[in-house]
Amino acid sequence: MMPFSSYCALILHMNKINNQIELKHTGISKLFNHYSNFFDEFVVEEFGRKHKADTSFKGHKALMLQIKAYVTENIKIESREDYANLVDTLKNLAENGD
């Protein structure tokens, strides 16, 4: 038989997984929503145009370098995790036109 504390931890973990699955079904996550707030519509449109102009592998690499440079120069980053999430969020916004 499972100890009560382990059972509670399991229930909390399953609850967290269910919430993550629910967020995936809605098409947006809390983190993506949070990091999206760092970019205004003009920045997203600019990178979206760059993405649409060249969808080749070299174009993608160039876009990623430009996104990384933009994030580094224009946003105060507190951790590597924030940096990675900001770069990924701007990439996704540019690619999806959201």
PDB file of N, CA and C in Angstrom:
ATOM      1  N   MET A   1       0.839  -1.178   0.000  1.00  0.00           N
ATOM      2  CA  MET A   1       0.000   0.000   0.000  1.00  0.00           C
ATOM      3  C   MET A   1       0.887   1.246   0.000  1.00  0.00           C
ATOM      4  N   MET A   2       0.456   2.268  -0.722  1.00  0.00           N
ATOM      5  CA  MET A   2       1.210   3.511  -0.875  1.00  0.00           C
ATOM      6  C   MET A   2       0.985   4.413   0.334  1.00  0.00           C
ATOM      7  N   PRO A   3       2.090   5.022   0.861  1.00  0.00           N
ATOM      8  CA  PRO A   3       1.926   5.967   1.967  1.00  0.00           C
ATOM      9  C   PRO A   3       1.082   7.164   1.522  1.00  0.00           C
ATOM     10  N   PHE A   4       0.394   7.743   2.488  1.00  0.00           N
ATOM     11  CA  PHE A   4      -0.521   8.846   2.187  1.00  0.00           C
ATOM     12  C   PHE A   4       0.204  10.024   1.542  1.00  0.00           C
ATOM     13  N   SER A   5       1.408  10.363   2.024  1.00  0.00           N
ATOM     14  CA  SER A   5       2.150  11.500   1.458  1.00  0.00           C
ATOM     15  C   SER A   5       2.533  11.239   0.006  1.00  0.00           C
ATOM     16  N   SER A   6       2.893   9.999  -0.312  1.00  0.00           N
ATOM     17  CA  SER A   6       3.217   9.648  -1.701  1.00  0.00           C
ATOM     18  C   SER A   6       1.971   9.725  -2.570  1.00  0.00           C
ATOM     19  N   TYR A   7       0.863   9.296  -2.019  1.00  0.00           N
ATOM     20  CA  TYR A   7      -0.405   9.361  -2.742  1.00  0.00           C
ATOM     21  C   TYR A   7      -0.780  10.812  -3.053  1.00  0.00           C
ATOM     22  N   CYS A   8      -0.613  11.696  -2.069  1.00  0.00           N
ATOM     23  CA  CYS A   8      -0.912  13.125  -2.277  1.00  0.00           C
ATOM     24  C   CYS A   8       0.009  13.723  -3.332  1.00  0.00           C
ATOM     25  N   ALA A   9       1.291  13.369  -3.273  1.00  0.00           N
ATOM     26  CA  ALA A   9       2.248  13.874  -4.258  1.00  0.00           C
ATOM     27  C   ALA A   9       1.880  13.391  -5.656  1.00  0.00           C
ATOM     28  N   LEU A  10       1.447  12.138  -5.748  1.00  0.00           N
ATOM     29  CA  LEU A  10       1.031  11.579  -7.035  1.00  0.00           C
ATOM     30  C   LEU A  10      -0.196  12.310  -7.575  1.00  0.00           C
ATOM     31  N   ILE A  11      -1.154  12.583  -6.719  1.00  0.00           N
ATOM     32  CA  ILE A  11      -2.365  13.310  -7.134  1.00  0.00           C
ATOM     33  C   ILE A  11      -1.999  14.708  -7.622  1.00  0.00           C
ATOM     34  N   LEU A  12      -1.123  15.406  -6.906  1.00  0.00           N
ATOM     35  CA  LEU A  12      -0.698  16.751  -7.321  1.00  0.00           C
ATOM     36  C   LEU A  12       0.026  16.696  -8.658  1.00  0.00           C
ATOM     37  N   HIS A  13       0.869  15.692  -8.837  1.00  0.00           N
ATOM     38  CA  HIS A  13       1.599  15.542 -10.096  1.00  0.00           C
ATOM     39  C   HIS A  13       0.634  15.256 -11.252  1.00  0.00           C
ATOM     40  N   MET A  14      -0.307  14.401 -11.045  1.00  0.00           N
ATOM     41  CA  MET A  14      -1.295  14.080 -12.094  1.00  0.00           C
ATOM     42  C   MET A  14      -2.136  15.302 -12.425  1.00  0.00           C
ATOM     43  N   ASN A  15      -2.465  16.084 -11.429  1.00  0.00           N
ATOM     44  CA  ASN A  15      -3.220  17.317 -11.633  1.00  0.00           C
ATOM     45  C   ASN A  15      -2.434  18.276 -12.524  1.00  0.00           C
ATOM     46  N   LYS A  16      -1.125  18.386 -12.244  1.00  0.00           N
ATOM     47  CA  LYS A  16      -0.253  19.260 -13.036  1.00  0.00           C
ATOM     48  C   LYS A  16      -0.199  18.780 -14.485  1.00  0.00           C
ATOM     49  N   ILE A  17      -0.062  17.484 -14.685  1.00  0.00           N
ATOM     50  CA  ILE A  17      -0.018  16.916 -16.040  1.00  0.00           C
ATOM     51  C   ILE A  17      -1.333  17.178 -16.760  1.00  0.00           C
ATOM     52  N   ASN A  18      -2.454  16.984 -16.078  1.00  0.00           N
ATOM     53  CA  ASN A  18      -3.758  17.234 -16.691  1.00  0.00           C
ATOM     54  C   ASN A  18      -3.908  18.698 -17.098  1.00  0.00           C
ATOM     55  N   ASN A  19      -3.411  19.618 -16.257  1.00  0.00           N
ATOM     56  CA  ASN A  19      -3.473  21.043 -16.596  1.00  0.00           C
ATOM     57  C   ASN A  19      -2.616  21.351 -17.812  1.00  0.00           C
ATOM     58  N   GLN A  20      -1.435  20.722 -17.917  1.00  0.00           N
ATOM     59  CA  GLN A  20      -0.566  20.935 -19.067  1.00  0.00           C
ATOM     60  C   GLN A  20      -1.224  20.408 -20.339  1.00  0.00           C
ATOM     61  N   ILE A  21      -1.846  19.254 -20.250  1.00  0.00           N
ATOM     62  CA  ILE A  21      -2.546  18.694 -21.407  1.00  0.00           C
ATOM     63  C   ILE A  21      -3.687  19.615 -21.821  1.00  0.00           C
ATOM     64  N   GLU A  22      -4.411  20.128 -20.853  1.00  0.00           N
ATOM     65  CA  GLU A  22      -5.517  21.045 -21.134  1.00  0.00           C
ATOM     66  C   GLU A  22      -5.013  22.303 -21.832  1.00  0.00           C
ATOM     67  N   LEU A  23      -3.876  22.844 -21.369  1.00  0.00           N
ATOM     68  CA  LEU A  23      -3.308  24.030 -22.003  1.00  0.00           C
ATOM     69  C   LEU A  23      -2.873  23.736 -23.433  1.00  0.00           C
ATOM     70  N   LYS A  24      -2.318  22.547 -23.667  1.00  0.00           N
ATOM     71  CA  LYS A  24      -1.906  22.188 -25.020  1.00  0.00           C
ATOM     72  C   LYS A  24      -3.109  22.122 -25.943  1.00  0.00           C
ATOM     73  N   HIS A  25      -4.235  21.653 -25.436  1.00  0.00           N
ATOM     74  CA  HIS A  25      -5.439  21.567 -26.254  1.00  0.00           C
ATOM     75  C   HIS A  25      -6.005  22.939 -26.578  1.00  0.00           C
ATOM     76  N   THR A  26      -5.764  23.917 -25.709  1.00  0.00           N
ATOM     77  CA  THR A  26      -6.245  25.256 -26.011  1.00  0.00           C
ATOM     78  C   THR A  26      -5.300  25.972 -26.968  1.00  0.00           C
ATOM     79  N   GLY A  27      -4.127  25.398 -27.207  1.00  0.00           N
ATOM     80  CA  GLY A  27      -3.198  25.945 -28.173  1.00  0.00           C
ATOM     81  C   GLY A  27      -2.244  26.986 -27.618  1.00  0.00           C
ATOM     82  N   ILE A  28      -2.300  27.257 -26.343  1.00  0.00           N
ATOM     83  CA  ILE A  28      -1.400  28.255 -25.765  1.00  0.00           C
ATOM     84  C   ILE A  28      -1.040  27.834 -24.346  1.00  0.00           C
ATOM     85  N   SER A  29       0.192  28.070 -23.983  1.00  0.00           N
ATOM     86  CA  SER A  29       0.603  27.729 -22.630  1.00  0.00           C
ATOM     87  C   SER A  29       0.755  29.011 -21.824  1.00  0.00           C
ATOM     88  N   LYS A  30       0.796  28.859 -20.528  1.00  0.00           N
ATOM     89  CA  LYS A  30       0.969  30.024 -19.660  1.00  0.00           C
ATOM     90  C   LYS A  30       2.321  30.681 -19.917  1.00  0.00           C
ATOM     91  N   LEU A  31       3.370  29.865 -20.100  1.00  0.00           N
ATOM     92  CA  LEU A  31       4.691  30.423 -20.364  1.00  0.00           C
ATOM     93  C   LEU A  31       4.719  31.170 -21.687  1.00  0.00           C
ATOM     94  N   PHE A  32       4.150  30.566 -22.722  1.00  0.00           N
ATOM     95  CA  PHE A  32       4.124  31.226 -24.028  1.00  0.00           C
ATOM     96  C   PHE A  32       3.369  32.545 -23.929  1.00  0.00           C
ATOM     97  N   ASN A  33       2.268  32.535 -23.238  1.00  0.00           N
ATOM     98  CA  ASN A  33       1.484  33.756 -23.050  1.00  0.00           C
ATOM     99  C   ASN A  33       2.305  34.809 -22.299  1.00  0.00           C
ATOM    100  N   HIS A  34       3.023  34.381 -21.275  1.00  0.00           N
ATOM    101  CA  HIS A  34       3.852  35.306 -20.497  1.00  0.00           C
ATOM    102  C   HIS A  34       4.946  35.922 -21.367  1.00  0.00           C
ATOM    103  N   TYR A  35       5.688  35.089 -22.075  1.00  0.00           N
ATOM    104  CA  TYR A  35       6.807  35.584 -22.868  1.00  0.00           C
ATOM    105  C   TYR A  35       6.337  36.354 -24.107  1.00  0.00           C
ATOM    106  N   SER A  36       5.155  36.084 -24.593  1.00  0.00           N
ATOM    107  CA  SER A  36       4.612  36.823 -25.738  1.00  0.00           C
ATOM    108  C   SER A  36       4.421  38.302 -25.407  1.00  0.00           C
ATOM    109  N   ASN A  37       4.188  38.592 -24.136  1.00  0.00           N
ATOM    110  CA  ASN A  37       3.972  39.979 -23.716  1.00  0.00           C
ATOM    111  C   ASN A  37       5.206  40.859 -23.879  1.00  0.00           C
ATOM    112  N   PHE A  38       6.379  40.264 -24.080  1.00  0.00           N
ATOM    113  CA  PHE A  38       7.604  41.029 -24.246  1.00  0.00           C
ATOM    114  C   PHE A  38       7.744  41.616 -25.656  1.00  0.00           C
ATOM    115  N   PHE A  39       6.899  41.161 -26.587  1.00  0.00           N
ATOM    116  CA  PHE A  39       7.050  41.569 -27.984  1.00  0.00           C
ATOM    117  C   PHE A  39       5.790  42.279 -28.458  1.00  0.00           C
ATOM    118  N   ASP A  40       5.970  43.479 -29.017  1.00  0.00           N
ATOM    119  CA  ASP A  40       4.804  44.170 -29.562  1.00  0.00           C
ATOM    120  C   ASP A  40       4.525  43.671 -30.980  1.00  0.00           C
ATOM    121  N   GLU A  41       3.377  44.047 -31.491  1.00  0.00           N
ATOM    122  CA  GLU A  41       2.929  43.522 -32.788  1.00  0.00           C
ATOM    123  C   GLU A  41       3.871  43.902 -33.924  1.00  0.00           C
ATOM    124  N   PHE A  42       4.541  45.048 -33.827  1.00  0.00           N
ATOM    125  CA  PHE A  42       5.438  45.485 -34.892  1.00  0.00           C
ATOM    126  C   PHE A  42       6.675  44.601 -34.978  1.00  0.00           C
ATOM    127  N   VAL A  43       7.192  44.199 -33.838  1.00  0.00           N
ATOM    128  CA  VAL A  43       8.349  43.298 -33.804  1.00  0.00           C
ATOM    129  C   VAL A  43       7.957  41.946 -34.387  1.00  0.00           C
ATOM    130  N   VAL A  44       6.820  41.440 -33.984  1.00  0.00           N
ATOM    131  CA  VAL A  44       6.350  40.145 -34.485  1.00  0.00           C
ATOM    132  C   VAL A  44       6.139  40.216 -35.997  1.00  0.00           C
ATOM    133  N   GLU A  45       5.522  41.303 -36.481  1.00  0.00           N
ATOM    134  CA  GLU A  45       5.291  41.455 -37.920  1.00  0.00           C
ATOM    135  C   GLU A  45       6.602  41.520 -38.682  1.00  0.00           C
ATOM    136  N   GLU A  46       7.588  42.250 -38.142  1.00  0.00           N
ATOM    137  CA  GLU A  46       8.885  42.375 -38.806  1.00  0.00           C
ATOM    138  C   GLU A  46       9.553  41.011 -38.954  1.00  0.00           C
ATOM    139  N   PHE A  47       9.587  40.253 -37.878  1.00  0.00           N
ATOM    140  CA  PHE A  47      10.207  38.930 -37.946  1.00  0.00           C
ATOM    141  C   PHE A  47       9.347  37.958 -38.762  1.00  0.00           C
ATOM    142  N   GLY A  48       8.047  38.152 -38.758  1.00  0.00           N
ATOM    143  CA  GLY A  48       7.179  37.328 -39.595  1.00  0.00           C
ATOM    144  C   GLY A  48       7.463  37.551 -41.076  1.00  0.00           C
ATOM    145  N   ARG A  49       7.672  38.806 -41.471  1.00  0.00           N
ATOM    146  CA  ARG A  49       8.020  39.114 -42.866  1.00  0.00           C
ATOM    147  C   ARG A  49       9.359  38.476 -43.238  1.00  0.00           C
ATOM    148  N   LYS A  50      10.314  38.556 -42.334  1.00  0.00           N
ATOM    149  CA  LYS A  50      11.625  37.950 -42.594  1.00  0.00           C
ATOM    150  C   LYS A  50      11.499  36.438 -42.748  1.00  0.00           C
ATOM    151  N   HIS A  51      10.659  35.838 -41.933  1.00  0.00           N
ATOM    152  CA  HIS A  51      10.446  34.386 -42.004  1.00  0.00           C
ATOM    153  C   HIS A  51       9.810  34.000 -43.345  1.00  0.00           C
ATOM    154  N   LYS A  52       8.804  34.743 -43.764  1.00  0.00           N
ATOM    155  CA  LYS A  52       8.112  34.426 -45.013  1.00  0.00           C
ATOM    156  C   LYS A  52       8.981  34.696 -46.240  1.00  0.00           C
ATOM    157  N   ALA A  53       9.911  35.650 -46.121  1.00  0.00           N
ATOM    158  CA  ALA A  53      10.753  36.014 -47.260  1.00  0.00           C
ATOM    159  C   ALA A  53      11.725  34.892 -47.633  1.00  0.00           C
ATOM    160  N   ASP A  54      12.171  34.124 -46.653  1.00  0.00           N
ATOM    161  CA  ASP A  54      13.144  33.057 -46.932  1.00  0.00           C
ATOM    162  C   ASP A  54      12.898  31.905 -45.976  1.00  0.00           C
ATOM    163  N   THR A  55      12.276  30.848 -46.471  1.00  0.00           N
ATOM    164  CA  THR A  55      11.965  29.697 -45.622  1.00  0.00           C
ATOM    165  C   THR A  55      12.981  28.569 -45.782  1.00  0.00           C
ATOM    166  N   SER A  56      14.102  28.856 -46.451  1.00  0.00           N
ATOM    167  CA  SER A  56      15.147  27.844 -46.600  1.00  0.00           C
ATOM    168  C   SER A  56      15.856  27.630 -45.261  1.00  0.00           C
ATOM    169  N   PHE A  57      16.706  26.609 -45.218  1.00  0.00           N
ATOM    170  CA  PHE A  57      17.465  26.325 -44.001  1.00  0.00           C
ATOM    171  C   PHE A  57      18.377  27.496 -43.653  1.00  0.00           C
ATOM    172  N   LYS A  58      19.060  28.047 -44.671  1.00  0.00           N
ATOM    173  CA  LYS A  58      19.937  29.198 -44.426  1.00  0.00           C
ATOM    174  C   LYS A  58      19.125  30.403 -43.958  1.00  0.00           C
ATOM    175  N   GLY A  59      17.941  30.579 -44.519  1.00  0.00           N
ATOM    176  CA  GLY A  59      17.068  31.671 -44.083  1.00  0.00           C
ATOM    177  C   GLY A  59      16.645  31.498 -42.637  1.00  0.00           C
ATOM    178  N   HIS A  60      16.366  30.256 -42.253  1.00  0.00           N
ATOM    179  CA  HIS A  60      15.973  29.968 -40.867  1.00  0.00           C
ATOM    180  C   HIS A  60      17.126  30.272 -39.917  1.00  0.00           C
ATOM    181  N   LYS A  61      18.339  29.848 -40.301  1.00  0.00           N
ATOM    182  CA  LYS A  61      19.504  30.118 -39.448  1.00  0.00           C
ATOM    183  C   LYS A  61      19.725  31.622 -39.292  1.00  0.00           C
ATOM    184  N   ALA A  62      19.577  32.351 -40.393  1.00  0.00           N
ATOM    185  CA  ALA A  62      19.756  33.805 -40.335  1.00  0.00           C
ATOM    186  C   ALA A  62      18.687  34.439 -39.454  1.00  0.00           C
ATOM    187  N   LEU A  63      17.452  33.969 -39.587  1.00  0.00           N
ATOM    188  CA  LEU A  63      16.360  34.490 -38.761  1.00  0.00           C
ATOM    189  C   LEU A  63      16.637  34.233 -37.282  1.00  0.00           C
ATOM    190  N   MET A  64      17.107  33.041 -36.962  1.00  0.00           N
ATOM    191  CA  MET A  64      17.392  32.715 -35.568  1.00  0.00           C
ATOM    192  C   MET A  64      18.505  33.609 -35.017  1.00  0.00           C
ATOM    193  N   LEU A  65      19.517  33.882 -35.808  1.00  0.00           N
ATOM    194  CA  LEU A  65      20.580  34.783 -35.357  1.00  0.00           C
ATOM    195  C   LEU A  65      20.040  36.194 -35.108  1.00  0.00           C
ATOM    196  N   GLN A  66      19.147  36.654 -35.980  1.00  0.00           N
ATOM    197  CA  GLN A  66      18.546  37.979 -35.807  1.00  0.00           C
ATOM    198  C   GLN A  66      17.654  38.023 -34.572  1.00  0.00           C
ATOM    199  N   ILE A  67      16.902  36.952 -34.345  1.00  0.00           N
ATOM    200  CA  ILE A  67      16.036  36.886 -33.154  1.00  0.00           C
ATOM    201  C   ILE A  67      16.889  36.899 -31.887  1.00  0.00           C
ATOM    202  N   LYS A  68      17.950  36.096 -31.871  1.00  0.00           N
ATOM    203  CA  LYS A  68      18.826  36.046 -30.698  1.00  0.00           C
ATOM    204  C   LYS A  68      19.451  37.413 -30.432  1.00  0.00           C
ATOM    205  N   ALA A  69      19.883  38.082 -31.490  1.00  0.00           N
ATOM    206  CA  ALA A  69      20.473  39.418 -31.335  1.00  0.00           C
ATOM    207  C   ALA A  69      19.438  40.410 -30.817  1.00  0.00           C
ATOM    208  N   TYR A  70      18.218  40.341 -31.335  1.00  0.00           N
ATOM    209  CA  TYR A  70      17.160  41.247 -30.887  1.00  0.00           C
ATOM    210  C   TYR A  70      16.870  41.047 -29.398  1.00  0.00           C
ATOM    211  N   VAL A  71      16.721  39.796 -28.990  1.00  0.00           N
ATOM    212  CA  VAL A  71      16.410  39.497 -27.587  1.00  0.00           C
ATOM    213  C   VAL A  71      17.551  39.976 -26.685  1.00  0.00           C
ATOM    214  N   THR A  72      18.789  39.712 -27.086  1.00  0.00           N
ATOM    215  CA  THR A  72      19.950  40.106 -26.283  1.00  0.00           C
ATOM    216  C   THR A  72      20.043  41.618 -26.135  1.00  0.00           C
ATOM    217  N   GLU A  73      19.784  42.337 -27.223  1.00  0.00           N
ATOM    218  CA  GLU A  73      19.955  43.789 -27.216  1.00  0.00           C
ATOM    219  C   GLU A  73      18.784  44.560 -26.611  1.00  0.00           C
ATOM    220  N   ASN A  74      17.590  44.008 -26.678  1.00  0.00           N
ATOM    221  CA  ASN A  74      16.407  44.796 -26.329  1.00  0.00           C
ATOM    222  C   ASN A  74      15.661  44.357 -25.078  1.00  0.00           C
ATOM    223  N   ILE A  75      16.017  43.226 -24.509  1.00  0.00           N
ATOM    224  CA  ILE A  75      15.277  42.725 -23.346  1.00  0.00           C
ATOM    225  C   ILE A  75      16.263  42.378 -22.243  1.00  0.00           C
ATOM    226  N   LYS A  76      15.964  42.837 -21.033  1.00  0.00           N
ATOM    227  CA  LYS A  76      16.800  42.491 -19.878  1.00  0.00           C
ATOM    228  C   LYS A  76      16.515  41.034 -19.515  1.00  0.00           C
ATOM    229  N   ILE A  77      17.536  40.229 -19.615  1.00  0.00           N
ATOM    230  CA  ILE A  77      17.384  38.794 -19.392  1.00  0.00           C
ATOM    231  C   ILE A  77      17.962  38.438 -18.030  1.00  0.00           C
ATOM    232  N   GLU A  78      17.200  37.698 -17.247  1.00  0.00           N
ATOM    233  CA  GLU A  78      17.646  37.357 -15.902  1.00  0.00           C
ATOM    234  C   GLU A  78      18.237  35.958 -15.795  1.00  0.00           C
ATOM    235  N   SER A  79      17.969  35.102 -16.778  1.00  0.00           N
ATOM    236  CA  SER A  79      18.511  33.744 -16.723  1.00  0.00           C
ATOM    237  C   SER A  79      18.605  33.171 -18.131  1.00  0.00           C
ATOM    238  N   ARG A  80      19.349  32.104 -18.251  1.00  0.00           N
ATOM    239  CA  ARG A  80      19.458  31.412 -19.545  1.00  0.00           C
ATOM    240  C   ARG A  80      18.102  30.848 -19.965  1.00  0.00           C
ATOM    241  N   GLU A  81      17.349  30.423 -18.986  1.00  0.00           N
ATOM    242  CA  GLU A  81      16.021  29.875 -19.278  1.00  0.00           C
ATOM    243  C   GLU A  81      15.117  30.946 -19.872  1.00  0.00           C
ATOM    244  N   ASP A  82      15.153  32.143 -19.305  1.00  0.00           N
ATOM    245  CA  ASP A  82      14.371  33.250 -19.864  1.00  0.00           C
ATOM    246  C   ASP A  82      14.807  33.545 -21.291  1.00  0.00           C
ATOM    247  N   TYR A  83      16.122  33.585 -21.509  1.00  0.00           N
ATOM    248  CA  TYR A  83      16.650  33.858 -22.852  1.00  0.00           C
ATOM    249  C   TYR A  83      16.126  32.828 -23.847  1.00  0.00           C
ATOM    250  N   ALA A  84      16.249  31.546 -23.501  1.00  0.00           N
ATOM    251  CA  ALA A  84      15.803  30.486 -24.406  1.00  0.00           C
ATOM    252  C   ALA A  84      14.301  30.586 -24.666  1.00  0.00           C
ATOM    253  N   ASN A  85      13.524  30.860 -23.626  1.00  0.00           N
ATOM    254  CA  ASN A  85      12.072  30.972 -23.793  1.00  0.00           C
ATOM    255  C   ASN A  85      11.686  32.187 -24.635  1.00  0.00           C
ATOM    256  N   LEU A  86      12.390  33.295 -24.457  1.00  0.00           N
ATOM    257  CA  LEU A  86      12.098  34.494 -25.249  1.00  0.00           C
ATOM    258  C   LEU A  86      12.425  34.269 -26.719  1.00  0.00           C
ATOM    259  N   VAL A  87      13.583  33.665 -26.998  1.00  0.00           N
ATOM    260  CA  VAL A  87      13.961  33.374 -28.384  1.00  0.00           C
ATOM    261  C   VAL A  87      12.951  32.433 -29.014  1.00  0.00           C
ATOM    262  N   ASP A  88      12.594  31.379 -28.306  1.00  0.00           N
ATOM    263  CA  ASP A  88      11.642  30.397 -28.834  1.00  0.00           C
ATOM    264  C   ASP A  88      10.265  31.018 -29.056  1.00  0.00           C
ATOM    265  N   THR A  89       9.838  31.863 -28.138  1.00  0.00           N
ATOM    266  CA  THR A  89       8.532  32.511 -28.271  1.00  0.00           C
ATOM    267  C   THR A  89       8.496  33.431 -29.482  1.00  0.00           C
ATOM    268  N   LEU A  90       9.533  34.252 -29.656  1.00  0.00           N
ATOM    269  CA  LEU A  90       9.553  35.154 -30.811  1.00  0.00           C
ATOM    270  C   LEU A  90       9.618  34.363 -32.118  1.00  0.00           C
ATOM    271  N   LYS A  91      10.375  33.278 -32.124  1.00  0.00           N
ATOM    272  CA  LYS A  91      10.432  32.407 -33.320  1.00  0.00           C
ATOM    273  C   LYS A  91       9.050  31.870 -33.641  1.00  0.00           C
ATOM    274  N   ASN A  92       8.357  31.355 -32.638  1.00  0.00           N
ATOM    275  CA  ASN A  92       7.020  30.801 -32.866  1.00  0.00           C
ATOM    276  C   ASN A  92       6.034  31.864 -33.303  1.00  0.00           C
ATOM    277  N   LEU A  93       6.100  33.039 -32.713  1.00  0.00           N
ATOM    278  CA  LEU A  93       5.207  34.127 -33.117  1.00  0.00           C
ATOM    279  C   LEU A  93       5.465  34.512 -34.568  1.00  0.00           C
ATOM    280  N   ALA A  94       6.739  34.598 -34.960  1.00  0.00           N
ATOM    281  CA  ALA A  94       7.083  34.975 -36.331  1.00  0.00           C
ATOM    282  C   ALA A  94       6.626  33.906 -37.325  1.00  0.00           C
ATOM    283  N   GLU A  95       6.811  32.641 -36.977  1.00  0.00           N
ATOM    284  CA  GLU A  95       6.452  31.552 -37.877  1.00  0.00           C
ATOM    285  C   GLU A  95       4.936  31.374 -38.010  1.00  0.00           C
ATOM    286  N   ASN A  96       4.226  31.637 -36.943  1.00  0.00           N
ATOM    287  CA  ASN A  96       2.775  31.395 -36.952  1.00  0.00           C
ATOM    288  C   ASN A  96       1.957  32.634 -37.202  1.00  0.00           C
ATOM    289  N   GLY A  97       2.592  33.772 -37.204  1.00  0.00           N
ATOM    290  CA  GLY A  97       1.883  35.008 -37.479  1.00  0.00           C
ATOM    291  C   GLY A  97       0.874  35.400 -36.429  1.00  0.00           C
ATOM    292  N   ASP A  98       1.088  34.969 -35.167  1.00  0.00           N
ATOM    293  CA  ASP A  98       0.151  35.289 -34.081  1.00  0.00           C
ATOM    294  C   ASP A  98       0.399  36.653 -33.535  1.00  0.00           C
TER     295      ASP A  98
END
